[in-house]
N, C-alpha and C. Protein backbone atom coordinates (compact mmCIF):
# COMPACT_ATOMS: atom_id res chain seq x y z
N MET A 1 139.80 -95.97 17.62
CA MET A 1 139.39 -94.93 16.55
C MET A 1 138.46 -95.57 15.59
N ILE A 2 137.90 -94.56 14.89
CA ILE A 2 136.74 -94.79 14.14
C ILE A 2 136.84 -94.15 12.81
N LEU A 3 136.81 -94.61 11.78
CA LEU A 3 136.79 -94.15 10.48
C LEU A 3 135.25 -93.80 10.14
N GLY A 4 135.32 -92.39 9.35
CA GLY A 4 133.94 -91.84 9.42
C GLY A 4 133.82 -90.94 8.01
N GLN A 5 132.94 -90.44 7.73
CA GLN A 5 132.49 -89.35 6.78
C GLN A 5 131.77 -88.23 7.47
N VAL A 6 132.09 -87.29 7.33
CA VAL A 6 131.35 -86.09 7.39
C VAL A 6 130.09 -85.92 6.61
N ILE A 7 129.01 -85.67 7.56
CA ILE A 7 127.81 -85.79 6.60
C ILE A 7 126.74 -84.48 7.21
N GLY A 8 127.38 -83.56 8.09
CA GLY A 8 126.56 -82.43 8.16
C GLY A 8 127.43 -81.68 9.50
N THR A 9 126.81 -80.40 9.50
CA THR A 9 127.46 -79.90 10.83
C THR A 9 126.24 -79.33 11.79
N VAL A 10 126.79 -78.94 12.90
CA VAL A 10 125.82 -78.83 14.24
C VAL A 10 126.07 -77.33 14.44
N VAL A 11 125.00 -76.49 14.34
CA VAL A 11 125.01 -75.14 14.86
C VAL A 11 124.39 -75.17 16.22
N ALA A 12 125.23 -74.31 17.16
CA ALA A 12 124.87 -74.39 18.71
C ALA A 12 125.22 -72.84 19.17
N THR A 13 124.18 -72.26 19.36
CA THR A 13 124.40 -70.67 19.51
C THR A 13 124.60 -70.54 21.30
N SER A 14 124.36 -71.79 21.78
CA SER A 14 124.80 -71.67 23.14
C SER A 14 125.55 -72.88 23.41
N LYS A 15 126.94 -72.86 23.79
CA LYS A 15 127.63 -74.04 24.35
C LYS A 15 128.40 -73.86 25.59
N HIS A 16 129.12 -75.05 26.22
CA HIS A 16 130.12 -74.71 27.22
C HIS A 16 131.00 -73.88 26.83
N GLU A 17 131.58 -73.00 27.63
CA GLU A 17 132.47 -72.15 27.42
C GLU A 17 133.77 -72.45 26.58
N LEU A 18 134.01 -73.79 27.09
CA LEU A 18 135.43 -74.48 26.58
C LEU A 18 135.29 -75.02 25.21
N LEU A 19 134.03 -75.02 24.53
CA LEU A 19 133.78 -75.05 23.21
C LEU A 19 133.60 -73.98 22.53
N VAL A 20 133.40 -72.71 22.79
CA VAL A 20 133.20 -71.78 22.11
C VAL A 20 134.24 -71.57 20.98
N GLY A 21 133.85 -71.39 19.73
CA GLY A 21 134.80 -71.09 18.54
C GLY A 21 134.87 -72.29 17.85
N SER A 22 134.43 -73.64 18.66
CA SER A 22 134.88 -75.01 18.11
C SER A 22 133.88 -75.46 16.89
N LYS A 23 134.32 -76.08 15.88
CA LYS A 23 133.20 -76.28 14.87
C LYS A 23 132.79 -77.78 15.26
N ILE A 24 131.61 -78.05 15.42
CA ILE A 24 131.25 -79.32 15.30
C ILE A 24 130.27 -80.09 14.45
N LEU A 25 130.82 -81.28 14.07
CA LEU A 25 130.32 -82.03 12.92
C LEU A 25 129.79 -83.04 13.26
N VAL A 26 128.76 -83.54 12.16
CA VAL A 26 128.18 -84.98 12.22
C VAL A 26 128.78 -85.84 11.43
N VAL A 27 129.11 -87.12 12.04
CA VAL A 27 129.90 -88.10 11.30
C VAL A 27 129.38 -89.44 11.31
N GLN A 28 129.29 -89.94 9.99
CA GLN A 28 128.72 -91.37 9.73
C GLN A 28 129.82 -92.27 9.78
N ALA A 29 129.67 -93.16 10.65
CA ALA A 29 130.96 -94.29 10.91
C ALA A 29 130.71 -95.19 9.57
N VAL A 30 131.75 -95.30 8.97
CA VAL A 30 131.92 -96.19 7.73
C VAL A 30 133.05 -97.29 8.01
N LYS A 31 132.71 -98.32 7.14
CA LYS A 31 133.63 -99.40 6.91
C LYS A 31 134.83 -99.18 6.30
N PRO A 32 136.04 -99.83 6.16
CA PRO A 32 137.42 -99.23 5.60
C PRO A 32 136.86 -99.06 4.06
N ASP A 33 135.79 -99.93 3.55
CA ASP A 33 135.83 -99.60 1.93
C ASP A 33 134.90 -98.44 1.80
N GLY A 34 134.24 -97.59 3.05
CA GLY A 34 133.42 -96.51 2.50
C GLY A 34 131.98 -96.73 2.94
N THR A 35 131.76 -98.00 3.16
CA THR A 35 130.38 -98.41 3.32
C THR A 35 129.82 -97.84 4.68
N PRO A 36 128.83 -96.84 4.59
CA PRO A 36 128.16 -96.81 5.89
C PRO A 36 127.90 -97.48 6.87
N ILE A 37 127.91 -97.47 8.12
CA ILE A 37 127.59 -98.51 9.10
C ILE A 37 126.26 -97.78 9.64
N GLU A 38 125.18 -98.56 9.21
CA GLU A 38 123.82 -98.24 9.47
C GLU A 38 123.75 -97.74 11.08
N GLY A 39 123.16 -96.88 11.34
CA GLY A 39 122.71 -96.20 12.90
C GLY A 39 124.11 -95.90 13.80
N GLU A 40 124.93 -95.55 12.94
CA GLU A 40 126.34 -95.34 13.53
C GLU A 40 126.74 -93.97 13.39
N GLN A 41 126.07 -92.97 13.78
CA GLN A 41 126.45 -91.62 13.61
C GLN A 41 126.99 -90.97 14.87
N LEU A 42 128.13 -90.21 14.60
CA LEU A 42 128.46 -89.28 16.02
C LEU A 42 128.65 -87.57 15.61
N VAL A 43 128.33 -87.06 16.81
CA VAL A 43 128.64 -85.41 16.85
C VAL A 43 130.19 -85.45 17.26
N ALA A 44 130.94 -84.71 16.72
CA ALA A 44 132.34 -84.63 16.89
C ALA A 44 132.85 -83.24 16.88
N VAL A 45 133.58 -82.76 17.76
CA VAL A 45 134.28 -81.64 17.62
C VAL A 45 135.61 -81.72 16.59
N ASP A 46 135.54 -80.78 15.56
CA ASP A 46 136.44 -80.77 14.49
C ASP A 46 137.75 -80.03 15.14
N THR A 47 138.97 -80.83 15.09
CA THR A 47 140.30 -80.34 15.45
C THR A 47 141.34 -80.18 14.32
N VAL A 48 140.76 -80.52 13.11
CA VAL A 48 141.61 -80.52 12.08
C VAL A 48 141.25 -79.69 10.89
N GLY A 49 139.79 -79.16 11.00
CA GLY A 49 139.41 -78.47 9.70
C GLY A 49 138.77 -79.47 8.46
N ALA A 50 138.09 -80.30 8.82
CA ALA A 50 137.40 -81.26 7.96
C ALA A 50 136.23 -80.57 7.51
N GLY A 51 135.66 -80.94 6.34
CA GLY A 51 134.60 -80.26 5.59
C GLY A 51 133.46 -81.61 5.20
N THR A 52 132.37 -81.21 4.98
CA THR A 52 131.21 -81.99 4.53
C THR A 52 131.92 -82.92 3.47
N GLY A 53 131.77 -84.16 3.56
CA GLY A 53 132.16 -85.03 2.35
C GLY A 53 133.32 -85.90 2.65
N GLU A 54 134.19 -85.11 3.53
CA GLU A 54 135.58 -85.88 3.80
C GLU A 54 135.49 -87.01 4.62
N HIS A 55 136.45 -87.92 4.56
CA HIS A 55 136.60 -89.09 5.39
C HIS A 55 137.72 -88.82 6.40
N VAL A 56 137.09 -89.11 7.61
CA VAL A 56 137.99 -88.63 8.85
C VAL A 56 138.30 -89.72 9.54
N ILE A 57 139.18 -89.44 10.60
CA ILE A 57 139.35 -90.38 11.74
C ILE A 57 139.16 -89.91 13.14
N VAL A 58 138.00 -90.47 14.10
CA VAL A 58 137.40 -89.98 15.02
C VAL A 58 138.13 -90.81 16.05
N THR A 59 138.56 -89.96 17.13
CA THR A 59 138.77 -90.61 18.52
C THR A 59 137.66 -90.45 19.59
N THR A 60 137.30 -91.15 20.56
CA THR A 60 136.47 -91.01 21.42
C THR A 60 136.90 -91.18 22.96
N GLY A 61 135.86 -90.75 23.84
CA GLY A 61 136.35 -91.07 25.29
C GLY A 61 137.27 -90.01 25.69
N SER A 62 138.38 -90.33 26.65
CA SER A 62 138.98 -89.31 27.31
C SER A 62 140.14 -88.93 26.19
N ASN A 63 140.55 -89.71 25.32
CA ASN A 63 141.26 -89.30 24.15
C ASN A 63 140.68 -87.75 23.35
N ALA A 64 139.40 -88.13 23.26
CA ALA A 64 138.66 -86.84 22.48
C ALA A 64 139.18 -85.55 23.14
N SER A 65 138.79 -85.55 24.56
CA SER A 65 139.24 -84.36 25.23
C SER A 65 140.78 -83.90 25.00
N LYS A 66 141.31 -84.86 25.05
CA LYS A 66 142.98 -84.71 24.90
C LYS A 66 143.25 -83.89 23.71
N ALA A 67 142.70 -84.36 22.55
CA ALA A 67 142.75 -84.00 21.22
C ALA A 67 142.16 -82.32 21.19
N CYS A 68 141.52 -81.92 22.04
CA CYS A 68 141.14 -80.40 22.10
C CYS A 68 142.03 -79.64 22.71
N GLU A 69 142.06 -78.20 22.58
CA GLU A 69 142.96 -77.38 23.17
C GLU A 69 142.90 -77.32 24.64
N THR A 70 141.97 -77.97 25.06
CA THR A 70 141.92 -77.79 26.52
C THR A 70 141.45 -79.49 26.94
N GLU A 71 142.31 -79.95 27.59
CA GLU A 71 141.74 -81.59 28.08
C GLU A 71 140.62 -81.41 29.05
N LYS A 72 140.30 -80.34 29.37
CA LYS A 72 139.08 -80.27 30.34
C LYS A 72 137.84 -79.97 29.72
N ALA A 73 138.01 -79.76 28.40
CA ALA A 73 136.64 -79.70 27.37
C ALA A 73 135.77 -81.00 27.72
N PRO A 74 134.48 -80.50 27.68
CA PRO A 74 133.63 -81.80 27.70
C PRO A 74 133.14 -82.44 26.56
N VAL A 75 134.31 -83.21 26.01
CA VAL A 75 134.17 -83.78 24.49
C VAL A 75 134.03 -85.44 24.59
N ASP A 76 133.34 -85.94 23.85
CA ASP A 76 133.28 -87.41 23.99
C ASP A 76 133.79 -87.92 22.67
N ALA A 77 133.86 -87.20 21.57
CA ALA A 77 134.30 -87.40 20.07
C ALA A 77 135.13 -86.35 19.51
N ALA A 78 136.02 -86.44 19.04
CA ALA A 78 136.88 -85.49 18.46
C ALA A 78 137.49 -85.65 17.09
N ILE A 79 137.28 -85.24 15.66
CA ILE A 79 137.80 -85.61 14.57
C ILE A 79 139.65 -85.29 14.55
N ILE A 80 140.25 -85.95 14.53
CA ILE A 80 141.82 -85.93 14.80
C ILE A 80 142.48 -86.28 13.37
N GLY A 81 141.97 -86.38 12.27
CA GLY A 81 142.61 -86.72 10.93
C GLY A 81 141.61 -86.47 9.79
N ILE A 82 142.03 -86.11 8.65
CA ILE A 82 141.55 -86.25 7.42
C ILE A 82 142.10 -87.31 6.59
N ILE A 83 141.41 -88.01 5.95
CA ILE A 83 141.83 -89.40 5.40
C ILE A 83 142.10 -89.02 3.91
N ASP A 84 143.42 -89.20 3.39
CA ASP A 84 143.62 -89.13 1.96
C ASP A 84 143.27 -90.51 1.10
N GLU A 85 143.61 -91.74 1.74
CA GLU A 85 143.25 -92.86 1.18
C GLU A 85 143.31 -93.99 2.29
N ILE A 86 142.72 -94.95 1.79
CA ILE A 86 142.73 -96.36 2.79
C ILE A 86 143.37 -97.55 1.72
N ASP A 87 144.16 -98.41 2.03
CA ASP A 87 144.51 -99.37 1.23
C ASP A 87 144.40 -100.84 2.23
N VAL A 88 143.51 -101.47 1.81
CA VAL A 88 143.29 -102.80 2.64
C VAL A 88 143.55 -103.92 1.83
N ASN A 89 144.35 -104.98 2.03
CA ASN A 89 144.58 -105.89 1.44
C ASN A 89 143.98 -107.06 1.59
């Protein structure tokens, strides 16, 4: 899983039929302290209602498809959680 911050949205007037109605967001990967990881941005399907600026948990690969309403969706990254707090000792 990847820690990230939502930095933008994607508007796609035409997309795969299994993604119609899905919100697609741009996510910046971050370290646990919130520092951006340079060059690590993802496009991810939002499954939890995240918004711009929120810190999120992203899953990738086959698990991303499983997080969507249908496992057959052509998805490589999905937002599966909104982070309230991270405590690293």
